[in-house]
Amino acid sequence: MRKSVLAALAAGAMALAGGATSANAASVIQGVTPADLAPPASALFGANVSGTAGTDTAISDSFTFNLVNGPAMADAQVSTILLGANDIDFTSITLDSIYAFTQTSFDPSTETWALLTPIVLASGSHTIQVVGTLHGVTGSYVGTLNVAAVPEPATWAMMLLGFGAMGVVMRRRRQPVLAQVA
């Protein structure tokens, strides 16, 4: 009877910890009102950049989004690719002027910058600032922003209770091994 109750508690804790998920995608468009993102969600952002042949063109783009139902865990990545003589080199990429992206891959292939550890964002407006240089006539880059809900303390408590109950059940199942004398 006790084992059945503990097993039921463990199953209930795992079901509550899982939660329901749904897809919520949006595009963050340069210079337009903020896109609303409600976790879990992903957003794409980017730009096509034009310059003058023989000169370098400075890039400074801002992408704004509005996080609803926060706080949320966020991560992001921005990438470009070398296309012939056209190339974009990023100087810095930041989120809210606080969280700096780190360059993870270099030219001559895809140049990629990413947030190496997810960060917690509060509800409200946030901005990704992309700064760099276009070498050539045209270039483009694209970024991905992912936000996921931060588990509530009650969810963590139920999950830990379930794991503890499973541990008690497993420990009680062990049969002591008695040494046999031949």
N, C-alpha and C. Protein backbone atom coordinates (compact mmCIF):
# COMPACT_ATOMS: atom_id res chain seq x y z
N MET A 1 0.82 -1.19 0.00
CA MET A 1 0.00 0.00 0.00
C MET A 1 0.87 1.26 0.00
N ARG A 2 1.88 1.27 0.86
CA ARG A 2 2.76 2.43 0.97
C ARG A 2 3.49 2.66 -0.35
N LYS A 3 3.92 1.56 -0.99
CA LYS A 3 4.63 1.68 -2.27
C LYS A 3 3.72 2.27 -3.33
N SER A 4 2.47 1.90 -3.33
CA SER A 4 1.52 2.43 -4.31
C SER A 4 1.33 3.93 -4.14
N VAL A 5 1.22 4.37 -2.88
CA VAL A 5 1.04 5.80 -2.61
C VAL A 5 2.27 6.58 -3.05
N LEU A 6 3.46 6.10 -2.74
CA LEU A 6 4.68 6.79 -3.15
C LEU A 6 4.83 6.82 -4.66
N ALA A 7 4.50 5.73 -5.32
CA ALA A 7 4.58 5.70 -6.78
C ALA A 7 3.59 6.69 -7.38
N ALA A 8 2.39 6.80 -6.82
CA ALA A 8 1.40 7.76 -7.31
C ALA A 8 1.88 9.19 -7.11
N LEU A 9 2.50 9.47 -5.96
CA LEU A 9 3.05 10.82 -5.71
C LEU A 9 4.14 11.15 -6.71
N ALA A 10 5.01 10.21 -7.00
CA ALA A 10 6.09 10.44 -7.96
C ALA A 10 5.54 10.72 -9.34
N ALA A 11 4.54 9.94 -9.76
CA ALA A 11 3.94 10.14 -11.09
C ALA A 11 3.26 11.51 -11.16
N GLY A 12 2.57 11.91 -10.10
CA GLY A 12 1.92 13.21 -10.08
C GLY A 12 2.91 14.35 -10.13
N ALA A 13 4.03 14.23 -9.42
CA ALA A 13 5.05 15.28 -9.43
C ALA A 13 5.66 15.42 -10.81
N MET A 14 5.92 14.31 -11.48
CA MET A 14 6.51 14.38 -12.82
C MET A 14 5.53 14.97 -13.81
N ALA A 15 4.23 14.65 -13.68
CA ALA A 15 3.23 15.21 -14.57
C ALA A 15 3.11 16.72 -14.39
N LEU A 16 3.12 17.18 -13.13
CA LEU A 16 3.04 18.62 -12.87
C LEU A 16 4.28 19.36 -13.33
N ALA A 17 5.44 18.75 -13.20
CA ALA A 17 6.69 19.40 -13.59
C ALA A 17 6.80 19.54 -15.09
N GLY A 18 6.18 18.61 -15.84
CA GLY A 18 6.28 18.63 -17.30
C GLY A 18 5.60 19.84 -17.90
N GLY A 19 4.38 20.12 -17.50
CA GLY A 19 3.64 21.27 -18.01
C GLY A 19 3.33 21.14 -19.48
N ALA A 20 2.47 22.00 -19.97
CA ALA A 20 2.11 22.00 -21.38
C ALA A 20 2.95 23.03 -22.10
N THR A 21 3.31 22.74 -23.34
CA THR A 21 4.07 23.67 -24.14
C THR A 21 3.32 23.94 -25.43
N SER A 22 3.54 25.12 -25.98
CA SER A 22 2.93 25.45 -27.27
C SER A 22 3.91 26.31 -28.04
N ALA A 23 3.79 26.27 -29.34
CA ALA A 23 4.69 27.05 -30.19
C ALA A 23 4.16 28.47 -30.30
N ASN A 24 5.07 29.45 -30.24
CA ASN A 24 4.72 30.84 -30.38
C ASN A 24 5.88 31.50 -31.10
N ALA A 25 5.74 31.76 -32.38
CA ALA A 25 6.84 32.32 -33.16
C ALA A 25 6.46 33.71 -33.66
N ALA A 26 7.45 34.57 -33.78
CA ALA A 26 7.23 35.92 -34.29
C ALA A 26 8.51 36.41 -34.95
N SER A 27 8.39 37.37 -35.83
CA SER A 27 9.56 37.98 -36.43
C SER A 27 9.74 39.37 -35.85
N VAL A 28 10.94 39.69 -35.43
CA VAL A 28 11.24 41.02 -34.92
C VAL A 28 11.78 41.80 -36.11
N ILE A 29 11.06 42.84 -36.52
CA ILE A 29 11.40 43.56 -37.74
C ILE A 29 12.03 44.89 -37.38
N GLN A 30 13.11 45.21 -38.07
CA GLN A 30 13.86 46.42 -37.79
C GLN A 30 12.99 47.66 -37.97
N GLY A 31 13.01 48.54 -36.96
CA GLY A 31 12.34 49.84 -37.07
C GLY A 31 10.83 49.80 -36.92
N VAL A 32 10.27 48.67 -36.53
CA VAL A 32 8.82 48.53 -36.38
C VAL A 32 8.51 48.36 -34.90
N THR A 33 7.25 48.58 -34.51
CA THR A 33 6.88 48.42 -33.10
C THR A 33 7.29 47.04 -32.59
N PRO A 34 7.56 46.92 -31.30
CA PRO A 34 8.06 45.65 -30.75
C PRO A 34 7.12 44.49 -30.99
N ALA A 35 7.72 43.35 -31.27
CA ALA A 35 6.96 42.11 -31.37
C ALA A 35 6.74 41.59 -29.96
N ASP A 36 5.56 41.05 -29.69
CA ASP A 36 5.27 40.47 -28.38
C ASP A 36 5.66 39.00 -28.38
N LEU A 37 6.45 38.62 -27.38
CA LEU A 37 6.86 37.23 -27.23
C LEU A 37 6.38 36.73 -25.87
N ALA A 38 5.66 35.61 -25.86
CA ALA A 38 5.21 34.97 -24.63
C ALA A 38 5.84 33.59 -24.59
N PRO A 39 6.64 33.30 -23.56
CA PRO A 39 7.34 32.01 -23.50
C PRO A 39 6.38 30.82 -23.54
N PRO A 40 6.74 29.73 -24.15
CA PRO A 40 7.95 29.52 -24.94
C PRO A 40 7.78 30.12 -26.33
N ALA A 41 8.82 30.77 -26.84
CA ALA A 41 8.73 31.42 -28.15
C ALA A 41 10.12 31.55 -28.77
N SER A 42 10.12 31.71 -30.08
CA SER A 42 11.34 32.00 -30.83
C SER A 42 11.03 33.14 -31.78
N ALA A 43 12.01 33.98 -32.02
CA ALA A 43 11.84 35.09 -32.95
C ALA A 43 13.07 35.17 -33.85
N LEU A 44 12.84 35.52 -35.10
CA LEU A 44 13.93 35.74 -36.05
C LEU A 44 14.09 37.24 -36.25
N PHE A 45 15.33 37.67 -36.42
CA PHE A 45 15.60 39.06 -36.73
C PHE A 45 16.83 39.10 -37.63
N GLY A 46 17.03 40.21 -38.33
CA GLY A 46 18.18 40.33 -39.21
C GLY A 46 18.04 41.52 -40.12
N ALA A 47 19.00 41.65 -41.04
CA ALA A 47 18.98 42.79 -41.95
C ALA A 47 19.77 42.47 -43.20
N ASN A 48 19.34 43.08 -44.31
CA ASN A 48 20.13 43.12 -45.54
C ASN A 48 20.81 44.48 -45.55
N VAL A 49 22.11 44.49 -45.76
CA VAL A 49 22.89 45.73 -45.67
C VAL A 49 23.48 46.04 -47.04
N SER A 50 23.38 47.31 -47.44
CA SER A 50 23.94 47.76 -48.72
C SER A 50 25.00 48.83 -48.46
N GLY A 51 26.03 48.82 -49.28
CA GLY A 51 27.10 49.79 -49.15
C GLY A 51 27.56 50.27 -50.51
N THR A 52 28.69 50.95 -50.52
CA THR A 52 29.27 51.47 -51.75
C THR A 52 30.52 50.67 -52.07
N ALA A 53 30.69 50.31 -53.33
CA ALA A 53 31.84 49.52 -53.75
C ALA A 53 33.13 50.25 -53.40
N GLY A 54 34.09 49.51 -52.85
CA GLY A 54 35.39 50.06 -52.52
C GLY A 54 35.48 50.73 -51.17
N THR A 55 34.37 50.86 -50.45
CA THR A 55 34.40 51.47 -49.11
C THR A 55 33.71 50.56 -48.11
N ASP A 56 34.10 50.69 -46.86
CA ASP A 56 33.46 49.94 -45.79
C ASP A 56 32.27 50.74 -45.27
N THR A 57 31.19 50.04 -44.90
CA THR A 57 29.98 50.68 -44.41
C THR A 57 29.74 50.25 -42.97
N ALA A 58 29.57 51.22 -42.08
CA ALA A 58 29.29 50.93 -40.68
C ALA A 58 27.86 50.45 -40.52
N ILE A 59 27.68 49.45 -39.64
CA ILE A 59 26.35 48.90 -39.35
C ILE A 59 26.06 49.14 -37.88
N SER A 60 24.86 49.64 -37.59
CA SER A 60 24.40 49.78 -36.21
C SER A 60 22.89 49.59 -36.24
N ASP A 61 22.43 48.38 -35.95
CA ASP A 61 21.02 48.05 -36.01
C ASP A 61 20.51 47.69 -34.62
N SER A 62 19.26 48.08 -34.35
CA SER A 62 18.60 47.73 -33.09
C SER A 62 17.35 46.93 -33.39
N PHE A 63 17.15 45.86 -32.64
CA PHE A 63 15.97 45.02 -32.76
C PHE A 63 15.29 44.98 -31.40
N THR A 64 14.04 45.44 -31.35
CA THR A 64 13.32 45.55 -30.09
C THR A 64 12.21 44.52 -30.05
N PHE A 65 12.03 43.90 -28.88
CA PHE A 65 10.93 42.96 -28.67
C PHE A 65 10.35 43.20 -27.29
N ASN A 66 9.11 42.80 -27.11
CA ASN A 66 8.41 42.98 -25.85
C ASN A 66 8.13 41.60 -25.26
N LEU A 67 8.67 41.34 -24.07
CA LEU A 67 8.47 40.05 -23.40
C LEU A 67 7.25 40.15 -22.50
N VAL A 68 6.26 39.31 -22.77
CA VAL A 68 5.07 39.26 -21.93
C VAL A 68 5.09 37.95 -21.15
N ASN A 69 4.43 37.93 -20.03
CA ASN A 69 4.38 36.75 -19.15
C ASN A 69 5.77 36.35 -18.67
N GLY A 70 6.62 37.35 -18.38
CA GLY A 70 7.97 37.07 -17.88
C GLY A 70 7.93 36.75 -16.41
N PRO A 71 9.00 36.44 -15.78
CA PRO A 71 10.35 36.38 -16.36
C PRO A 71 10.53 35.15 -17.24
N ALA A 72 11.58 35.20 -18.06
CA ALA A 72 11.86 34.10 -18.97
C ALA A 72 13.35 33.92 -19.14
N MET A 73 13.77 32.69 -19.41
CA MET A 73 15.16 32.39 -19.77
C MET A 73 15.31 32.69 -21.25
N ALA A 74 16.38 33.39 -21.63
CA ALA A 74 16.57 33.77 -23.03
C ALA A 74 17.97 33.40 -23.48
N ASP A 75 18.06 32.97 -24.75
CA ASP A 75 19.35 32.81 -25.41
C ASP A 75 19.18 33.29 -26.85
N ALA A 76 20.29 33.64 -27.49
CA ALA A 76 20.22 34.19 -28.83
C ALA A 76 21.52 33.92 -29.57
N GLN A 77 21.43 34.02 -30.91
CA GLN A 77 22.59 33.80 -31.78
C GLN A 77 22.42 34.66 -33.03
N VAL A 78 23.50 35.21 -33.55
CA VAL A 78 23.49 36.01 -34.77
C VAL A 78 24.58 35.48 -35.68
N SER A 79 24.26 35.27 -36.98
CA SER A 79 25.23 34.69 -37.92
C SER A 79 25.21 35.43 -39.24
N THR A 80 26.36 35.43 -39.90
CA THR A 80 26.51 35.95 -41.26
C THR A 80 27.40 34.98 -42.02
N ILE A 81 27.47 35.14 -43.33
CA ILE A 81 28.31 34.26 -44.14
C ILE A 81 29.06 35.10 -45.17
N LEU A 82 30.29 34.69 -45.44
CA LEU A 82 31.11 35.37 -46.44
C LEU A 82 30.60 35.00 -47.82
N LEU A 83 30.23 35.99 -48.61
CA LEU A 83 29.75 35.76 -49.98
C LEU A 83 30.67 36.50 -50.95
N GLY A 84 31.67 35.79 -51.46
CA GLY A 84 32.63 36.40 -52.37
C GLY A 84 33.40 37.50 -51.66
N ALA A 85 33.41 38.69 -52.27
CA ALA A 85 34.11 39.83 -51.68
C ALA A 85 33.24 40.56 -50.66
N ASN A 86 31.99 40.16 -50.52
CA ASN A 86 31.07 40.79 -49.56
C ASN A 86 31.16 40.07 -48.22
N ASP A 87 31.34 40.82 -47.15
CA ASP A 87 31.49 40.23 -45.84
C ASP A 87 31.03 41.22 -44.77
N ILE A 88 30.40 40.71 -43.73
CA ILE A 88 30.05 41.53 -42.58
C ILE A 88 30.87 41.03 -41.40
N ASP A 89 31.57 41.93 -40.76
CA ASP A 89 32.31 41.63 -39.53
C ASP A 89 31.63 42.37 -38.38
N PHE A 90 31.18 41.61 -37.39
CA PHE A 90 30.56 42.23 -36.22
C PHE A 90 31.63 42.74 -35.28
N THR A 91 31.36 43.90 -34.68
CA THR A 91 32.25 44.48 -33.67
C THR A 91 31.74 44.14 -32.28
N SER A 92 30.42 44.29 -32.09
CA SER A 92 29.80 43.92 -30.81
C SER A 92 28.32 43.65 -31.03
N ILE A 93 27.78 42.77 -30.21
CA ILE A 93 26.35 42.49 -30.19
C ILE A 93 25.97 42.39 -28.72
N THR A 94 24.96 43.16 -28.32
CA THR A 94 24.55 43.17 -26.92
C THR A 94 23.03 43.05 -26.81
N LEU A 95 22.59 42.56 -25.66
CA LEU A 95 21.17 42.52 -25.32
C LEU A 95 20.98 43.47 -24.15
N ASP A 96 20.14 44.47 -24.34
CA ASP A 96 19.86 45.50 -23.33
C ASP A 96 21.12 46.24 -22.89
N SER A 97 22.12 46.32 -23.73
CA SER A 97 23.40 46.99 -23.44
C SER A 97 24.10 46.44 -22.21
N ILE A 98 23.67 45.27 -21.73
CA ILE A 98 24.25 44.66 -20.54
C ILE A 98 24.91 43.33 -20.86
N TYR A 99 24.18 42.50 -21.60
CA TYR A 99 24.63 41.12 -21.87
C TYR A 99 25.33 41.08 -23.23
N ALA A 100 26.63 40.80 -23.20
CA ALA A 100 27.43 40.78 -24.42
C ALA A 100 27.42 39.40 -25.07
N PHE A 101 27.26 39.37 -26.37
CA PHE A 101 27.38 38.15 -27.14
C PHE A 101 28.87 37.85 -27.31
N THR A 102 29.22 36.57 -27.48
CA THR A 102 30.60 36.14 -27.67
C THR A 102 30.74 35.52 -29.05
N GLN A 103 31.82 35.86 -29.74
CA GLN A 103 32.05 35.28 -31.07
C GLN A 103 32.44 33.81 -30.92
N THR A 104 31.68 32.93 -31.60
CA THR A 104 31.90 31.49 -31.48
C THR A 104 32.45 30.86 -32.74
N SER A 105 32.32 31.52 -33.90
CA SER A 105 32.96 31.04 -35.13
C SER A 105 33.41 32.25 -35.94
N PHE A 106 34.43 32.03 -36.76
CA PHE A 106 35.12 33.13 -37.41
C PHE A 106 35.12 32.98 -38.92
N ASP A 107 35.46 34.09 -39.64
CA ASP A 107 35.64 34.04 -41.08
C ASP A 107 36.81 33.13 -41.40
N PRO A 108 36.93 32.51 -42.52
CA PRO A 108 36.23 32.83 -43.76
C PRO A 108 34.88 32.12 -43.93
N SER A 109 34.47 31.31 -43.00
CA SER A 109 33.14 30.70 -43.13
C SER A 109 32.14 31.55 -42.37
N THR A 110 31.13 30.96 -41.81
CA THR A 110 30.11 31.69 -41.08
C THR A 110 30.69 32.34 -39.82
N GLU A 111 30.42 33.62 -39.66
CA GLU A 111 30.78 34.31 -38.42
C GLU A 111 29.56 34.27 -37.52
N THR A 112 29.70 33.72 -36.32
CA THR A 112 28.57 33.56 -35.42
C THR A 112 28.90 34.13 -34.06
N TRP A 113 27.93 34.85 -33.49
CA TRP A 113 28.03 35.38 -32.13
C TRP A 113 26.83 34.86 -31.36
N ALA A 114 27.02 34.52 -30.08
CA ALA A 114 25.93 33.95 -29.29
C ALA A 114 26.04 34.34 -27.82
N LEU A 115 24.90 34.29 -27.14
CA LEU A 115 24.91 34.36 -25.68
C LEU A 115 25.28 32.97 -25.21
N LEU A 116 26.41 32.84 -24.54
CA LEU A 116 26.91 31.51 -24.17
C LEU A 116 26.14 30.86 -23.04
N THR A 117 25.54 31.65 -22.16
CA THR A 117 24.71 31.11 -21.09
C THR A 117 23.36 31.81 -21.15
N PRO A 118 22.28 31.06 -20.96
CA PRO A 118 20.95 31.69 -20.96
C PRO A 118 20.86 32.72 -19.82
N ILE A 119 20.11 33.78 -20.07
CA ILE A 119 19.93 34.84 -19.08
C ILE A 119 18.44 34.96 -18.74
N VAL A 120 18.15 35.50 -17.58
CA VAL A 120 16.76 35.70 -17.17
C VAL A 120 16.37 37.13 -17.50
N LEU A 121 15.28 37.28 -18.26
CA LEU A 121 14.76 38.59 -18.62
C LEU A 121 13.41 38.81 -17.95
N ALA A 122 13.18 40.02 -17.47
CA ALA A 122 11.90 40.39 -16.88
C ALA A 122 10.93 40.77 -18.00
N SER A 123 9.66 40.84 -17.67
CA SER A 123 8.66 41.30 -18.64
C SER A 123 9.00 42.73 -19.05
N GLY A 124 8.65 43.08 -20.27
CA GLY A 124 8.87 44.43 -20.76
C GLY A 124 9.65 44.47 -22.05
N SER A 125 10.08 45.65 -22.41
CA SER A 125 10.77 45.89 -23.67
C SER A 125 12.28 45.60 -23.54
N HIS A 126 12.83 44.95 -24.55
CA HIS A 126 14.26 44.61 -24.58
C HIS A 126 14.79 44.89 -25.99
N THR A 127 16.10 45.17 -26.09
CA THR A 127 16.70 45.52 -27.37
C THR A 127 17.99 44.75 -27.60
N ILE A 128 18.12 44.22 -28.80
CA ILE A 128 19.38 43.61 -29.25
C ILE A 128 20.04 44.61 -30.18
N GLN A 129 21.29 45.00 -29.87
CA GLN A 129 22.04 45.99 -30.65
C GLN A 129 23.15 45.26 -31.41
N VAL A 130 23.17 45.40 -32.74
CA VAL A 130 24.17 44.77 -33.60
C VAL A 130 25.04 45.87 -34.21
N VAL A 131 26.36 45.79 -33.98
CA VAL A 131 27.30 46.78 -34.50
C VAL A 131 28.39 46.05 -35.28
N GLY A 132 28.73 46.58 -36.45
CA GLY A 132 29.76 45.94 -37.26
C GLY A 132 30.09 46.74 -38.49
N THR A 133 30.74 46.06 -39.45
CA THR A 133 31.17 46.71 -40.68
C THR A 133 30.88 45.81 -41.86
N LEU A 134 30.32 46.40 -42.93
CA LEU A 134 30.13 45.70 -44.19
C LEU A 134 31.33 45.98 -45.07
N HIS A 135 31.98 44.92 -45.54
CA HIS A 135 33.07 45.03 -46.50
C HIS A 135 32.50 44.55 -47.83
N GLY A 136 32.23 45.46 -48.75
CA GLY A 136 31.65 45.09 -50.03
C GLY A 136 30.38 45.88 -50.30
N VAL A 137 29.61 45.40 -51.28
CA VAL A 137 28.42 46.12 -51.72
C VAL A 137 27.17 45.68 -50.97
N THR A 138 27.00 44.38 -50.74
CA THR A 138 25.82 43.89 -50.04
C THR A 138 26.21 42.78 -49.06
N GLY A 139 25.41 42.63 -48.06
CA GLY A 139 25.60 41.57 -47.09
C GLY A 139 24.34 41.40 -46.27
N SER A 140 24.25 40.30 -45.56
CA SER A 140 23.09 40.09 -44.71
C SER A 140 23.47 39.24 -43.51
N TYR A 141 22.66 39.36 -42.48
CA TYR A 141 22.84 38.53 -41.29
C TYR A 141 21.47 38.19 -40.73
N VAL A 142 21.44 37.14 -39.95
CA VAL A 142 20.18 36.70 -39.35
C VAL A 142 20.46 36.27 -37.91
N GLY A 143 19.47 36.47 -37.05
CA GLY A 143 19.60 36.08 -35.66
C GLY A 143 18.37 35.33 -35.19
N THR A 144 18.55 34.57 -34.14
CA THR A 144 17.46 33.82 -33.52
C THR A 144 17.45 34.13 -32.03
N LEU A 145 16.28 34.43 -31.52
CA LEU A 145 16.07 34.68 -30.09
C LEU A 145 15.10 33.63 -29.58
N ASN A 146 15.46 32.94 -28.49
CA ASN A 146 14.60 31.94 -27.88
C ASN A 146 14.31 32.34 -26.44
N VAL A 147 13.04 32.26 -26.05
CA VAL A 147 12.67 32.51 -24.66
C VAL A 147 11.85 31.33 -24.14
N ALA A 148 12.12 30.94 -22.90
CA ALA A 148 11.42 29.83 -22.25
C ALA A 148 11.04 30.26 -20.84
N ALA A 149 9.92 29.76 -20.38
CA ALA A 149 9.43 30.10 -19.04
C ALA A 149 10.40 29.61 -17.97
N VAL A 150 10.54 30.39 -16.93
CA VAL A 150 11.34 30.00 -15.77
C VAL A 150 10.43 29.19 -14.86
N PRO A 151 10.83 27.97 -14.48
CA PRO A 151 9.96 27.16 -13.61
C PRO A 151 9.69 27.87 -12.28
N GLU A 152 8.46 27.73 -11.81
CA GLU A 152 8.08 28.33 -10.53
C GLU A 152 8.63 27.47 -9.39
N PRO A 153 8.85 28.07 -8.21
CA PRO A 153 9.36 27.30 -7.07
C PRO A 153 8.49 26.10 -6.71
N ALA A 154 7.18 26.22 -6.86
CA ALA A 154 6.30 25.09 -6.53
C ALA A 154 6.56 23.91 -7.47
N THR A 155 6.86 24.20 -8.72
CA THR A 155 7.16 23.14 -9.68
C THR A 155 8.43 22.41 -9.27
N TRP A 156 9.46 23.18 -8.90
CA TRP A 156 10.71 22.55 -8.46
C TRP A 156 10.48 21.70 -7.21
N ALA A 157 9.67 22.20 -6.27
CA ALA A 157 9.42 21.46 -5.04
C ALA A 157 8.70 20.14 -5.33
N MET A 158 7.72 20.18 -6.21
CA MET A 158 7.00 18.94 -6.55
C MET A 158 7.93 17.95 -7.25
N MET A 159 8.80 18.45 -8.12
CA MET A 159 9.71 17.56 -8.82
C MET A 159 10.69 16.92 -7.82
N LEU A 160 11.23 17.70 -6.90
CA LEU A 160 12.16 17.15 -5.91
C LEU A 160 11.46 16.16 -4.98
N LEU A 161 10.22 16.45 -4.62
CA LEU A 161 9.44 15.51 -3.80
C LEU A 161 9.25 14.19 -4.54
N GLY A 162 8.95 14.27 -5.80
CA GLY A 162 8.78 13.06 -6.61
C GLY A 162 10.05 12.24 -6.70
N PHE A 163 11.20 12.92 -6.93
CA PHE A 163 12.47 12.18 -6.97
C PHE A 163 12.80 11.55 -5.62
N GLY A 164 12.51 12.28 -4.54
CA GLY A 164 12.76 11.73 -3.20
C GLY A 164 11.89 10.50 -2.94
N ALA A 165 10.63 10.57 -3.33
CA ALA A 165 9.73 9.42 -3.14
C ALA A 165 10.21 8.23 -3.96
N MET A 166 10.67 8.48 -5.19
CA MET A 166 11.18 7.38 -6.02
C MET A 166 12.43 6.76 -5.37
N GLY A 167 13.27 7.58 -4.79
CA GLY A 167 14.46 7.07 -4.10
C GLY A 167 14.10 6.19 -2.92
N VAL A 168 13.08 6.60 -2.14
CA VAL A 168 12.63 5.80 -0.99
C VAL A 168 12.10 4.45 -1.48
N VAL A 169 11.30 4.46 -2.53
CA VAL A 169 10.76 3.21 -3.07
C VAL A 169 11.89 2.29 -3.53
N MET A 170 12.85 2.84 -4.24
CA MET A 170 13.96 2.02 -4.74
C MET A 170 14.80 1.47 -3.58
N ARG A 171 15.00 2.27 -2.56
CA ARG A 171 15.81 1.81 -1.42
C ARG A 171 15.10 0.69 -0.67
N ARG A 172 13.79 0.76 -0.54
CA ARG A 172 13.03 -0.26 0.18
C ARG A 172 13.00 -1.58 -0.58
N ARG A 173 13.15 -1.53 -1.89
CA ARG A 173 13.10 -2.75 -2.70
C ARG A 173 14.34 -3.60 -2.55
N ARG A 174 15.44 -3.01 -2.14
CA ARG A 174 16.68 -3.78 -2.04
C ARG A 174 16.56 -4.87 -0.98
N GLN A 175 17.00 -6.05 -1.36
CA GLN A 175 17.00 -7.19 -0.43
C GLN A 175 18.42 -7.36 0.10
N PRO A 176 18.58 -7.54 1.39
CA PRO A 176 19.93 -7.72 1.92
C PRO A 176 20.52 -9.06 1.42
N VAL A 177 21.77 -9.01 1.08
CA VAL A 177 22.46 -10.19 0.60
C VAL A 177 23.19 -10.81 1.81
N LEU A 178 22.87 -12.05 2.08
CA LEU A 178 23.47 -12.75 3.20
C LEU A 178 24.62 -13.62 2.70
N ALA A 179 25.70 -13.59 3.41
CA ALA A 179 26.85 -14.41 3.03
C ALA A 179 26.53 -15.87 3.32
N GLN A 180 26.88 -16.71 2.41
CA GLN A 180 26.66 -18.14 2.60
C GLN A 180 27.98 -18.84 2.87
N VAL A 181 27.97 -19.70 3.83
CA VAL A 181 29.19 -20.46 4.16
C VAL A 181 29.04 -21.84 3.51
N ALA A 182 30.03 -22.24 2.78
CA ALA A 182 29.94 -23.52 2.09
C ALA A 182 30.31 -24.68 2.93
